């Protein structure tokens, strides 16, 4: 089974960041940012940072 990472990003006002998924033939739904760990990821932390950049445009700053 492939390792996966997830984040629970909350801003300074306590708002939770979720991602809206829209798939054909389904009602839209929301998920937390995250995904599978790639072979190129050097750690789970690196994988999570990569997913946050890809899915939510977030970085360390």
PDB file of N, CA and C in Angstrom:
ATOM      1  N   UNK A   1       0.849  -1.189   0.000  1.00  0.00           N
ATOM      2  CA  UNK A   1       0.000   0.000   0.000  1.00  0.00           C
ATOM      3  C   UNK A   1       0.891   1.247   0.000  1.00  0.00           C
ATOM      4  N   UNK A   2       0.524   2.184  -0.803  1.00  0.00           N
ATOM      5  CA  UNK A   2       1.286   3.424  -0.946  1.00  0.00           C
ATOM      6  C   UNK A   2       1.029   4.346   0.247  1.00  0.00           C
ATOM      7  N   UNK A   3       2.101   4.964   0.752  1.00  0.00           N
ATOM      8  CA  UNK A   3       1.941   5.925   1.850  1.00  0.00           C
ATOM      9  C   UNK A   3       1.251   7.176   1.334  1.00  0.00           C
ATOM     10  N   UNK A   4       0.455   7.785   2.213  1.00  0.00           N
ATOM     11  CA  UNK A   4      -0.264   9.008   1.869  1.00  0.00           C
ATOM     12  C   UNK A   4      -0.082  10.018   2.990  1.00  0.00           C
ATOM     13  N   UNK A   5      -0.227  11.293   2.648  1.00  0.00           N
ATOM     14  CA  UNK A   5      -0.135  12.378   3.624  1.00  0.00           C
ATOM     15  C   UNK A   5      -1.378  13.256   3.500  1.00  0.00           C
ATOM     16  N   UNK A   6      -1.768  13.878   4.599  1.00  0.00           N
ATOM     17  CA  UNK A   6      -2.891  14.813   4.630  1.00  0.00           C
ATOM     18  C   UNK A   6      -2.538  15.955   5.566  1.00  0.00           C
ATOM     19  N   UNK A   7      -3.096  17.115   5.291  1.00  0.00           N
ATOM     20  CA  UNK A   7      -2.899  18.286   6.144  1.00  0.00           C
ATOM     21  C   UNK A   7      -4.261  18.781   6.616  1.00  0.00           C
ATOM     22  N   UNK A   8      -4.238  19.474   7.735  1.00  0.00           N
ATOM     23  CA  UNK A   8      -5.427  20.164   8.218  1.00  0.00           C
ATOM     24  C   UNK A   8      -5.040  21.642   8.361  1.00  0.00           C
ATOM     25  N   UNK A   9      -4.975  22.368   7.228  1.00  0.00           N
ATOM     26  CA  UNK A   9      -4.562  23.771   7.276  1.00  0.00           C
ATOM     27  C   UNK A   9      -5.668  24.674   7.835  1.00  0.00           C
ATOM     28  N   UNK A  10      -5.302  25.449   8.826  1.00  0.00           N
ATOM     29  CA  UNK A  10      -6.211  26.397   9.471  1.00  0.00           C
ATOM     30  C   UNK A  10      -5.527  27.766   9.457  1.00  0.00           C
ATOM     31  N   UNK A  11      -6.256  28.793   9.048  1.00  0.00           N
ATOM     32  CA  UNK A  11      -5.655  30.127   9.025  1.00  0.00           C
ATOM     33  C   UNK A  11      -5.741  30.781  10.408  1.00  0.00           C
ATOM     34  N   UNK A  12      -5.215  31.986  10.510  1.00  0.00           N
ATOM     35  CA  UNK A  12      -5.143  32.680  11.797  1.00  0.00           C
ATOM     36  C   UNK A  12      -6.526  33.027  12.364  1.00  0.00           C
ATOM     37  N   UNK A  13      -7.567  32.971  11.531  1.00  0.00           N
ATOM     38  CA  UNK A  13      -8.930  33.222  12.000  1.00  0.00           C
ATOM     39  C   UNK A  13      -9.693  31.927  12.312  1.00  0.00           C
ATOM     40  N   UNK A  14      -9.009  30.789  12.157  1.00  0.00           N
ATOM     41  CA  UNK A  14      -9.634  29.508  12.459  1.00  0.00           C
ATOM     42  C   UNK A  14     -10.403  28.875  11.313  1.00  0.00           C
ATOM     43  N   UNK A  15     -10.248  29.419  10.095  1.00  0.00           N
ATOM     44  CA  UNK A  15     -10.931  28.848   8.935  1.00  0.00           C
ATOM     45  C   UNK A  15     -10.142  27.645   8.414  1.00  0.00           C
ATOM     46  N   UNK A  16     -10.849  26.574   8.170  1.00  0.00           N
ATOM     47  CA  UNK A  16     -10.265  25.338   7.657  1.00  0.00           C
ATOM     48  C   UNK A  16     -10.204  25.400   6.131  1.00  0.00           C
ATOM     49  N   UNK A  17      -9.068  25.044   5.555  1.00  0.00           N
ATOM     50  CA  UNK A  17      -8.920  25.007   4.104  1.00  0.00           C
ATOM     51  C   UNK A  17      -9.268  23.617   3.608  1.00  0.00           C
ATOM     52  N   UNK A  18     -10.228  23.539   2.701  1.00  0.00           N
ATOM     53  CA  UNK A  18     -10.557  22.289   2.027  1.00  0.00           C
ATOM     54  C   UNK A  18     -10.518  22.515   0.531  1.00  0.00           C
ATOM     55  N   UNK A  19     -10.480  21.431  -0.204  1.00  0.00           N
ATOM     56  CA  UNK A  19     -10.437  21.492  -1.660  1.00  0.00           C
ATOM     57  C   UNK A  19     -11.726  20.901  -2.200  1.00  0.00           C
ATOM     58  N   UNK A  20     -12.364  21.629  -3.095  1.00  0.00           N
ATOM     59  CA  UNK A  20     -13.613  21.155  -3.688  1.00  0.00           C
ATOM     60  C   UNK A  20     -13.289  20.254  -4.879  1.00  0.00           C
ATOM     61  N   UNK A  21     -13.802  19.038  -4.827  1.00  0.00           N
ATOM     62  CA  UNK A  21     -13.622  18.080  -5.925  1.00  0.00           C
ATOM     63  C   UNK A  21     -14.930  17.999  -6.706  1.00  0.00           C
ATOM     64  N   UNK A  22     -14.793  18.052  -8.020  1.00  0.00           N
ATOM     65  CA  UNK A  22     -15.949  17.920  -8.895  1.00  0.00           C
ATOM     66  C   UNK A  22     -15.633  16.808  -9.885  1.00  0.00           C
ATOM     67  N   UNK A  23     -16.441  15.747  -9.833  1.00  0.00           N
ATOM     68  CA  UNK A  23     -16.262  14.614 -10.737  1.00  0.00           C
ATOM     69  C   UNK A  23     -17.572  14.381 -11.480  1.00  0.00           C
ATOM     70  N   UNK A  24     -17.469  13.952 -12.737  1.00  0.00           N
ATOM     71  CA  UNK A  24     -18.689  13.682 -13.502  1.00  0.00           C
ATOM     72  C   UNK A  24     -19.572  12.656 -12.787  1.00  0.00           C
ATOM     73  N   UNK A  25     -20.851  12.879 -12.870  1.00  0.00           N
ATOM     74  CA  UNK A  25     -21.830  11.944 -12.319  1.00  0.00           C
ATOM     75  C   UNK A  25     -21.827  11.858 -10.792  1.00  0.00           C
ATOM     76  N   UNK A  26     -21.172  12.826 -10.109  1.00  0.00           N
ATOM     77  CA  UNK A  26     -21.168  12.853  -8.644  1.00  0.00           C
ATOM     78  C   UNK A  26     -21.483  14.264  -8.159  1.00  0.00           C
ATOM     79  N   UNK A  27     -21.994  14.339  -6.968  1.00  0.00           N
ATOM     80  CA  UNK A  27     -22.154  15.635  -6.320  1.00  0.00           C
ATOM     81  C   UNK A  27     -20.766  16.154  -5.942  1.00  0.00           C
ATOM     82  N   UNK A  28     -20.527  17.459  -6.038  1.00  0.00           N
ATOM     83  CA  UNK A  28     -19.238  17.998  -5.568  1.00  0.00           C
ATOM     84  C   UNK A  28     -19.046  17.668  -4.088  1.00  0.00           C
ATOM     85  N   UNK A  29     -17.799  17.478  -3.703  1.00  0.00           N
ATOM     86  CA  UNK A  29     -17.475  17.186  -2.310  1.00  0.00           C
ATOM     87  C   UNK A  29     -16.156  17.847  -1.954  1.00  0.00           C
ATOM     88  N   UNK A  30     -15.844  17.912  -0.679  1.00  0.00           N
ATOM     89  CA  UNK A  30     -14.630  18.580  -0.209  1.00  0.00           C
ATOM     90  C   UNK A  30     -13.717  17.593   0.481  1.00  0.00           C
ATOM     91  N   UNK A  31     -12.398  17.818   0.310  1.00  0.00           N
ATOM     92  CA  UNK A  31     -11.377  16.979   0.928  1.00  0.00           C
ATOM     93  C   UNK A  31     -10.298  17.870   1.532  1.00  0.00           C
ATOM     94  N   UNK A  32      -9.533  17.299   2.438  1.00  0.00           N
ATOM     95  CA  UNK A  32      -8.350  17.988   2.956  1.00  0.00           C
ATOM     96  C   UNK A  32      -7.225  17.825   1.949  1.00  0.00           C
ATOM     97  N   UNK A  33      -6.320  18.810   1.857  1.00  0.00           N
ATOM     98  CA  UNK A  33      -5.202  18.678   0.925  1.00  0.00           C
ATOM     99  C   UNK A  33      -4.299  17.509   1.315  1.00  0.00           C
ATOM    100  N   UNK A  34      -3.773  16.851   0.326  1.00  0.00           N
ATOM    101  CA  UNK A  34      -2.855  15.742   0.562  1.00  0.00           C
ATOM    102  C   UNK A  34      -2.821  14.829  -0.643  1.00  0.00           C
ATOM    103  N   UNK A  35      -2.103  13.738  -0.488  1.00  0.00           N
ATOM    104  CA  UNK A  35      -2.005  12.792  -1.588  1.00  0.00           C
ATOM    105  C   UNK A  35      -0.943  11.753  -1.319  1.00  0.00           C
ATOM    106  N   UNK A  36      -0.578  11.058  -2.366  1.00  0.00           N
ATOM    107  CA  UNK A  36       0.387   9.978  -2.252  1.00  0.00           C
ATOM    108  C   UNK A  36       1.818  10.474  -2.146  1.00  0.00           C
ATOM    109  N   UNK A  37       2.633   9.692  -1.445  1.00  0.00           N
ATOM    110  CA  UNK A  37       4.064   9.984  -1.320  1.00  0.00           C
ATOM    111  C   UNK A  37       4.754   9.436  -2.565  1.00  0.00           C
ATOM    112  N   UNK A  38       5.498  10.289  -3.238  1.00  0.00           N
ATOM    113  CA  UNK A  38       6.216   9.896  -4.450  1.00  0.00           C
ATOM    114  C   UNK A  38       7.594   9.353  -4.098  1.00  0.00           C
ATOM    115  N   UNK A  39       8.152   8.541  -4.979  1.00  0.00           N
ATOM    116  CA  UNK A  39       9.505   8.004  -4.764  1.00  0.00           C
ATOM    117  C   UNK A  39      10.533   9.121  -4.635  1.00  0.00           C
ATOM    118  N   UNK A  40      10.283  10.245  -5.291  1.00  0.00           N
ATOM    119  CA  UNK A  40      11.229  11.368  -5.258  1.00  0.00           C
ATOM    120  C   UNK A  40      11.169  12.164  -3.954  1.00  0.00           C
ATOM    121  N   UNK A  41      10.121  11.968  -3.141  1.00  0.00           N
ATOM    122  CA  UNK A  41      10.003  12.688  -1.866  1.00  0.00           C
ATOM    123  C   UNK A  41      11.020  12.140  -0.874  1.00  0.00           C
ATOM    124  N   UNK A  42      11.732  13.042  -0.216  1.00  0.00           N
ATOM    125  CA  UNK A  42      12.785  12.618   0.711  1.00  0.00           C
ATOM    126  C   UNK A  42      12.258  12.319   2.110  1.00  0.00           C
ATOM    127  N   UNK A  43      11.027  12.745   2.414  1.00  0.00           N
ATOM    128  CA  UNK A  43      10.422  12.488   3.723  1.00  0.00           C
ATOM    129  C   UNK A  43       8.919  12.706   3.603  1.00  0.00           C
ATOM    130  N   UNK A  44       8.189  12.306   4.635  1.00  0.00           N
ATOM    131  CA  UNK A  44       6.754  12.568   4.649  1.00  0.00           C
ATOM    132  C   UNK A  44       6.489  14.068   4.689  1.00  0.00           C
ATOM    133  N   UNK A  45       7.323  14.800   5.417  1.00  0.00           N
ATOM    134  CA  UNK A  45       7.185  16.256   5.483  1.00  0.00           C
ATOM    135  C   UNK A  45       7.367  16.874   4.097  1.00  0.00           C
ATOM    136  N   UNK A  46       8.362  16.400   3.349  1.00  0.00           N
ATOM    137  CA  UNK A  46       8.590  16.916   1.998  1.00  0.00           C
ATOM    138  C   UNK A  46       7.405  16.598   1.094  1.00  0.00           C
ATOM    139  N   UNK A  47       6.850  15.403   1.251  1.00  0.00           N
ATOM    140  CA  UNK A  47       5.685  15.016   0.451  1.00  0.00           C
ATOM    141  C   UNK A  47       4.499  15.922   0.762  1.00  0.00           C
ATOM    142  N   UNK A  48       4.287  16.202   2.039  1.00  0.00           N
ATOM    143  CA  UNK A  48       3.169  17.058   2.431  1.00  0.00           C
ATOM    144  C   UNK A  48       3.349  18.479   1.911  1.00  0.00           C
ATOM    145  N   UNK A  49       4.560  19.006   2.020  1.00  0.00           N
ATOM    146  CA  UNK A  49       4.826  20.348   1.493  1.00  0.00           C
ATOM    147  C   UNK A  49       4.545  20.405  -0.005  1.00  0.00           C
ATOM    148  N   UNK A  50       4.941  19.363  -0.717  1.00  0.00           N
ATOM    149  CA  UNK A  50       4.711  19.300  -2.155  1.00  0.00           C
ATOM    150  C   UNK A  50       3.212  19.280  -2.464  1.00  0.00           C
ATOM    151  N   UNK A  51       2.456  18.486  -1.734  1.00  0.00           N
ATOM    152  CA  UNK A  51       1.012  18.421  -1.949  1.00  0.00           C
ATOM    153  C   UNK A  51       0.338  19.751  -1.637  1.00  0.00           C
ATOM    154  N   UNK A  52       0.766  20.420  -0.573  1.00  0.00           N
ATOM    155  CA  UNK A  52       0.183  21.725  -0.231  1.00  0.00           C
ATOM    156  C   UNK A  52       0.465  22.761  -1.310  1.00  0.00           C
ATOM    157  N   UNK A  53       1.670  22.718  -1.896  1.00  0.00           N
ATOM    158  CA  UNK A  53       1.990  23.629  -3.004  1.00  0.00           C
ATOM    159  C   UNK A  53       1.122  23.305  -4.217  1.00  0.00           C
ATOM    160  N   UNK A  54       1.036  22.020  -4.574  1.00  0.00           N
ATOM    161  CA  UNK A  54       0.303  21.611  -5.771  1.00  0.00           C
ATOM    162  C   UNK A  54      -1.191  21.873  -5.660  1.00  0.00           C
ATOM    163  N   UNK A  55      -1.793  21.520  -4.543  1.00  0.00           N
ATOM    164  CA  UNK A  55      -3.242  21.545  -4.443  1.00  0.00           C
ATOM    165  C   UNK A  55      -3.804  22.868  -3.907  1.00  0.00           C
ATOM    166  N   UNK A  56      -3.032  23.566  -3.097  1.00  0.00           N
ATOM    167  CA  UNK A  56      -3.589  24.758  -2.444  1.00  0.00           C
ATOM    168  C   UNK A  56      -2.756  26.012  -2.664  1.00  0.00           C
ATOM    169  N   UNK A  57      -1.623  25.895  -3.327  1.00  0.00           N
ATOM    170  CA  UNK A  57      -0.784  27.056  -3.560  1.00  0.00           C
ATOM    171  C   UNK A  57      -0.112  27.574  -2.290  1.00  0.00           C
ATOM    172  N   UNK A  58      -0.007  26.732  -1.262  1.00  0.00           N
ATOM    173  CA  UNK A  58       0.601  27.133  -0.003  1.00  0.00           C
ATOM    174  C   UNK A  58       2.075  26.797   0.020  1.00  0.00           C
ATOM    175  N   UNK A  59       2.844  27.618   0.734  1.00  0.00           N
ATOM    176  CA  UNK A  59       4.269  27.335   0.918  1.00  0.00           C
ATOM    177  C   UNK A  59       4.649  27.617   2.358  1.00  0.00           C
ATOM    178  N   UNK A  60       5.925  27.554   2.670  1.00  0.00           N
ATOM    179  CA  UNK A  60       6.410  27.739   4.046  1.00  0.00           C
ATOM    180  C   UNK A  60       6.260  29.172   4.543  1.00  0.00           C
ATOM    181  N   UNK A  61       6.071  30.111   3.632  1.00  0.00           N
ATOM    182  CA  UNK A  61       6.059  31.518   3.988  1.00  0.00           C
ATOM    183  C   UNK A  61       4.862  32.049   4.609  1.00  0.00           C
TER     184      UNK A  61
END
